[in-house]
N, C-alpha and C. Protein backbone atom coordinates (compact mmCIF):
# COMPACT_ATOMS: atom_id res chain seq x y z
N MET A 1 -9.60 -12.25 13.48
CA MET A 1 -8.86 -10.06 12.80
C MET A 1 -10.22 -10.08 12.26
N ARG A 2 -10.85 -9.32 12.15
CA ARG A 2 -12.01 -9.36 10.91
C ARG A 2 -11.60 -8.15 9.76
N TYR A 3 -10.29 -6.99 9.87
CA TYR A 3 -10.38 -6.80 8.98
C TYR A 3 -8.83 -6.52 8.73
N LEU A 4 -8.17 -5.88 7.52
CA LEU A 4 -6.73 -5.82 7.42
C LEU A 4 -6.02 -4.71 8.15
N LEU A 5 -4.71 -5.31 9.11
CA LEU A 5 -4.25 -4.27 9.64
C LEU A 5 -3.42 -3.40 9.00
N SER A 6 -2.52 -4.27 8.58
CA SER A 6 -1.81 -3.21 8.07
C SER A 6 -1.08 -3.08 6.61
N SER A 7 -0.03 -2.52 5.85
CA SER A 7 -0.25 -2.74 4.19
C SER A 7 1.54 -2.07 4.32
N LYS A 8 2.49 -2.97 3.01
CA LYS A 8 3.42 -2.23 3.34
C LYS A 8 3.74 -1.69 1.43
N THR A 9 5.24 -1.41 1.58
CA THR A 9 5.17 -0.92 0.21
C THR A 9 6.99 -1.45 0.78
N VAL A 10 7.69 -1.81 -0.22
CA VAL A 10 9.10 -2.32 -0.03
C VAL A 10 9.82 -1.66 -1.25
N PHE A 11 10.98 -1.72 -0.39
CA PHE A 11 12.42 -0.25 -0.95
C PHE A 11 12.86 -1.58 -1.38
N PRO A 12 12.84 -1.10 -2.87
CA PRO A 12 13.34 -2.45 -3.79
C PRO A 12 15.36 -2.76 -4.08
N LYS A 13 15.77 -4.03 -3.99
CA LYS A 13 16.82 -3.68 -3.71
C LYS A 13 17.13 -3.58 -5.02
N SER A 14 19.11 -2.87 -4.98
CA SER A 14 19.49 -2.38 -6.08
C SER A 14 19.81 -4.11 -7.46
N GLY A 15 19.54 -3.58 -8.33
CA GLY A 15 19.16 -4.56 -9.56
C GLY A 15 18.62 -5.50 -9.45
N ALA A 16 17.55 -5.73 -8.27
CA ALA A 16 16.58 -6.11 -8.80
C ALA A 16 15.23 -6.00 -9.10
N LYS A 17 13.97 -7.07 -9.34
CA LYS A 17 12.90 -6.74 -10.32
C LYS A 17 12.31 -6.49 -9.61
N VAL A 18 11.49 -4.98 -9.94
CA VAL A 18 10.50 -4.35 -8.99
C VAL A 18 8.93 -5.18 -9.52
N TRP A 19 8.11 -5.47 -8.60
CA TRP A 19 6.49 -6.15 -8.89
C TRP A 19 6.02 -4.90 -9.25
N TYR A 20 6.23 -4.49 -7.57
CA TYR A 20 4.93 -2.85 -8.57
C TYR A 20 5.11 -1.38 -8.31
N ASP A 21 4.32 -0.94 -9.34
CA ASP A 21 4.26 0.30 -9.52
C ASP A 21 4.89 1.19 -8.60
N ASP A 22 4.31 0.93 -8.11
CA ASP A 22 3.72 2.09 -5.74
C ASP A 22 5.78 2.21 -5.56
N GLN A 23 6.89 0.85 -5.85
CA GLN A 23 7.74 0.78 -5.45
C GLN A 23 8.49 1.78 -5.54
N CYS A 24 8.39 2.01 -7.47
CA CYS A 24 8.88 3.80 -7.57
C CYS A 24 8.83 5.16 -7.45
N GLU A 25 6.81 4.72 -7.11
CA GLU A 25 6.19 6.02 -6.30
C GLU A 25 5.85 6.64 -5.61
N VAL A 26 5.86 6.01 -4.84
CA VAL A 26 5.52 6.14 -3.17
C VAL A 26 6.65 6.86 -2.13
N HIS A 27 7.57 7.31 -3.23
CA HIS A 27 9.19 7.31 -2.09
C HIS A 27 9.01 8.83 -2.59
N ARG A 28 8.50 9.27 -3.38
CA ARG A 28 8.57 11.13 -3.98
C ARG A 28 6.77 11.03 -3.58
N GLN A 29 6.26 10.90 -3.44
CA GLN A 29 5.07 11.57 -3.44
C GLN A 29 4.74 11.56 -2.18
N ILE A 30 6.10 10.57 -0.72
CA ILE A 30 5.81 10.82 0.05
C ILE A 30 6.10 12.28 0.45
N PHE A 31 7.58 12.52 0.22
CA PHE A 31 9.14 13.18 0.81
C PHE A 31 8.01 14.83 -0.51
N GLU A 32 7.42 14.63 -1.09
CA GLU A 32 7.14 16.02 -1.64
C GLU A 32 6.10 16.16 -0.74
N GLY A 33 5.42 15.79 -0.35
CA GLY A 33 4.62 16.55 0.55
C GLY A 33 3.24 15.58 -0.10
N GLU A 34 2.88 15.17 -0.43
CA GLU A 34 1.90 14.80 -1.23
C GLU A 34 0.86 13.69 -0.07
N GLU A 35 -0.23 14.22 -0.09
CA GLU A 35 -1.26 13.72 0.72
C GLU A 35 -1.90 12.79 0.99
N ALA A 36 -2.17 11.70 -0.65
CA ALA A 36 -1.72 10.77 -1.38
C ALA A 36 -1.49 9.53 -1.53
N VAL A 37 -0.87 8.54 -1.48
CA VAL A 37 0.22 7.88 -2.44
C VAL A 37 -0.89 6.65 -3.20
N ASP A 38 0.09 6.10 -4.11
CA ASP A 38 -0.61 5.04 -4.67
C ASP A 38 0.43 4.09 -4.16
N TYR A 39 -0.74 3.17 -4.57
CA TYR A 39 -0.48 1.66 -4.10
C TYR A 39 -1.19 1.05 -5.19
N ALA A 40 -0.47 0.16 -5.34
CA ALA A 40 -0.42 -1.05 -6.82
C ALA A 40 -1.65 -2.34 -5.87
N PHE A 41 -1.76 -3.11 -6.47
CA PHE A 41 -2.51 -4.29 -6.03
C PHE A 41 -2.67 -4.63 -6.39
N MET A 42 -2.66 -6.19 -5.82
CA MET A 42 -2.35 -7.89 -6.24
C MET A 42 -2.44 -7.74 -7.82
N GLY A 43 -2.03 -7.72 -8.41
CA GLY A 43 -2.47 -9.09 -9.92
C GLY A 43 -3.35 -8.05 -9.90
N GLN A 44 -4.38 -8.73 -10.73
CA GLN A 44 -5.63 -8.28 -12.19
C GLN A 44 -6.58 -8.60 -11.27
N ASN A 45 -6.57 -9.00 -10.16
CA ASN A 45 -7.89 -9.72 -9.84
C ASN A 45 -8.80 -9.11 -8.32
N PRO A 46 -9.48 -8.48 -8.80
CA PRO A 46 -10.51 -7.14 -7.57
C PRO A 46 -10.52 -8.28 -6.26
N ALA A 47 -11.35 -9.42 -6.85
CA ALA A 47 -11.58 -10.18 -5.98
C ALA A 47 -10.69 -11.12 -5.19
N ALA A 48 -9.35 -10.59 -5.57
CA ALA A 48 -8.01 -11.35 -4.61
C ALA A 48 -8.08 -10.73 -3.03
N ALA A 49 -7.57 -12.06 -2.19
CA ALA A 49 -8.21 -11.92 -0.92
C ALA A 49 -7.50 -10.50 0.07
N ASP A 50 -6.03 -10.45 -0.39
CA ASP A 50 -5.36 -8.79 -0.61
C ASP A 50 -6.39 -7.31 -0.98
N ASN A 51 -6.58 -7.82 -1.43
CA ASN A 51 -7.44 -6.49 -2.71
C ASN A 51 -9.06 -6.56 -2.12
N ARG A 52 -9.41 -7.14 -1.81
CA ARG A 52 -10.29 -7.41 -0.99
C ARG A 52 -9.88 -7.12 0.25
N TRP A 53 -9.36 -7.23 0.76
CA TRP A 53 -9.07 -6.20 2.56
C TRP A 53 -9.04 -5.67 2.38
N LEU A 54 -7.89 -4.99 0.98
CA LEU A 54 -8.22 -3.78 1.21
C LEU A 54 -9.42 -2.68 0.93
N ARG A 55 -10.37 -3.62 -0.05
CA ARG A 55 -11.92 -2.72 -0.02
C ARG A 55 -12.66 -2.15 1.02
N GLU A 56 -12.87 -3.66 2.13
CA GLU A 56 -13.34 -3.69 3.26
C GLU A 56 -12.69 -2.46 4.35
N ALA A 57 -11.21 -2.25 3.93
CA ALA A 57 -10.85 -1.06 4.63
C ALA A 57 -11.16 0.11 4.47
N LEU A 58 -11.06 0.33 3.34
CA LEU A 58 -11.46 2.01 2.98
C LEU A 58 -13.19 1.37 2.42
N GLU A 59 -13.98 0.40 2.56
CA GLU A 59 -15.75 0.33 3.14
C GLU A 59 -16.06 1.18 4.20
N ASN A 60 -15.17 0.98 5.23
CA ASN A 60 -15.79 0.41 6.56
C ASN A 60 -14.53 1.80 7.79
N HIS A 61 -13.77 2.92 6.40
CA HIS A 61 -13.10 3.51 7.32
C HIS A 61 -12.53 2.79 8.33
N ILE A 62 -11.30 2.24 8.13
CA ILE A 62 -11.14 1.37 8.61
C ILE A 62 -8.89 2.13 8.82
N PRO A 63 -8.54 2.14 10.21
CA PRO A 63 -7.22 2.66 9.82
C PRO A 63 -5.90 1.31 9.79
N ILE A 64 -5.76 1.55 8.63
CA ILE A 64 -4.27 0.76 9.56
C ILE A 64 -3.01 1.05 9.48
N ILE A 65 -1.66 0.34 9.12
CA ILE A 65 -0.30 0.69 9.65
C ILE A 65 0.09 0.80 8.49
N TYR A 66 0.52 1.24 7.57
CA TYR A 66 1.31 1.20 6.28
C TYR A 66 2.95 1.08 6.60
N PHE A 67 3.90 0.01 6.41
CA PHE A 67 4.61 0.10 6.25
C PHE A 67 5.32 0.88 4.99
N LEU A 68 6.15 1.49 5.08
CA LEU A 68 7.00 1.82 3.77
C LEU A 68 8.44 1.78 4.16
N GLY A 69 8.84 1.01 2.69
CA GLY A 69 10.01 0.33 3.15
C GLY A 69 11.18 1.30 2.35
N ILE A 70 11.69 1.74 3.74
CA ILE A 70 12.82 2.67 3.71
C ILE A 70 14.83 1.96 3.04
N ALA A 71 15.24 0.81 3.27
CA ALA A 71 15.98 0.14 2.53
C ALA A 71 15.22 -0.87 2.89
N PRO A 72 16.09 -2.32 1.61
CA PRO A 72 16.17 -3.60 1.46
C PRO A 72 15.67 -4.05 3.53
N GLY A 73 14.16 -4.75 3.56
CA GLY A 73 14.80 -5.34 5.16
C GLY A 73 14.23 -4.16 6.11
N ARG A 74 13.73 -2.80 5.82
CA ARG A 74 13.56 -2.04 7.10
C ARG A 74 12.53 -1.38 6.51
N TYR A 75 12.20 -1.09 7.17
CA TYR A 75 10.36 0.01 7.05
C TYR A 75 10.08 0.62 7.79
N GLN A 76 9.13 1.78 7.49
CA GLN A 76 9.15 3.22 8.76
C GLN A 76 7.58 3.09 9.20
N ALA A 77 7.54 2.76 10.00
CA ALA A 77 5.82 2.51 10.13
C ALA A 77 4.87 4.59 9.99
N VAL A 78 3.73 4.21 9.47
CA VAL A 78 2.65 5.27 9.21
C VAL A 78 1.35 4.62 9.57
N LEU A 79 1.49 5.77 10.26
CA LEU A 79 0.21 5.19 11.28
C LEU A 79 -0.83 6.38 12.24
N PRO A 80 -2.41 6.90 11.85
CA PRO A 80 -2.94 5.68 10.98
C PRO A 80 -2.58 6.13 9.88
N ALA A 81 -3.61 5.36 9.22
CA ALA A 81 -2.82 5.95 7.35
C ALA A 81 -4.42 5.28 7.09
N PHE A 82 -5.29 5.48 6.17
CA PHE A 82 -6.35 4.96 5.40
C PHE A 82 -6.46 4.82 4.17
N ILE A 83 -7.60 4.06 3.29
CA ILE A 83 -7.75 3.70 2.38
C ILE A 83 -8.84 5.01 1.63
N SER A 84 -8.06 5.83 0.79
CA SER A 84 -8.76 6.52 0.27
C SER A 84 -9.50 6.30 -1.49
N GLY A 85 -9.15 5.36 -1.46
CA GLY A 85 -10.39 5.34 -3.15
C GLY A 85 -9.22 4.83 -3.74
N GLY A 86 -9.42 4.91 -5.93
CA GLY A 86 -9.00 4.33 -6.54
C GLY A 86 -8.61 2.84 -6.30
N MET A 87 -9.99 1.91 -5.79
CA MET A 87 -10.55 0.63 -5.94
C MET A 87 -11.05 0.29 -7.38
N PRO A 88 -10.51 -1.00 -7.39
CA PRO A 88 -11.03 -1.93 -8.78
C PRO A 88 -12.13 -2.55 -8.53
N ARG A 89 -13.17 -2.28 -10.09
CA ARG A 89 -14.19 -3.01 -9.27
C ARG A 89 -14.13 -4.11 -9.68
N LEU A 90 -15.69 -4.12 -8.58
CA LEU A 90 -15.52 -6.64 -8.71
C LEU A 90 -16.24 -6.50 -9.62
């Protein structure tokens, strides 16, 4: 496979550590009808594989499947979804 196929935001378990900021904001953004949602990148390295795949999807206008966590271990597929910007510089 050449390009990113999907990405996900998990639903934080009660009392568990929140690893990425998007776990707190994305649900509010979607339920308020915002056109775009924030997505937290993996770590601080823009050259990390996951971040590179997001950049390639942005640059090549590749639609992806976005899995939104709706409960611990449960997801709602949102498709097509597109990366629209905000990528860290290499």
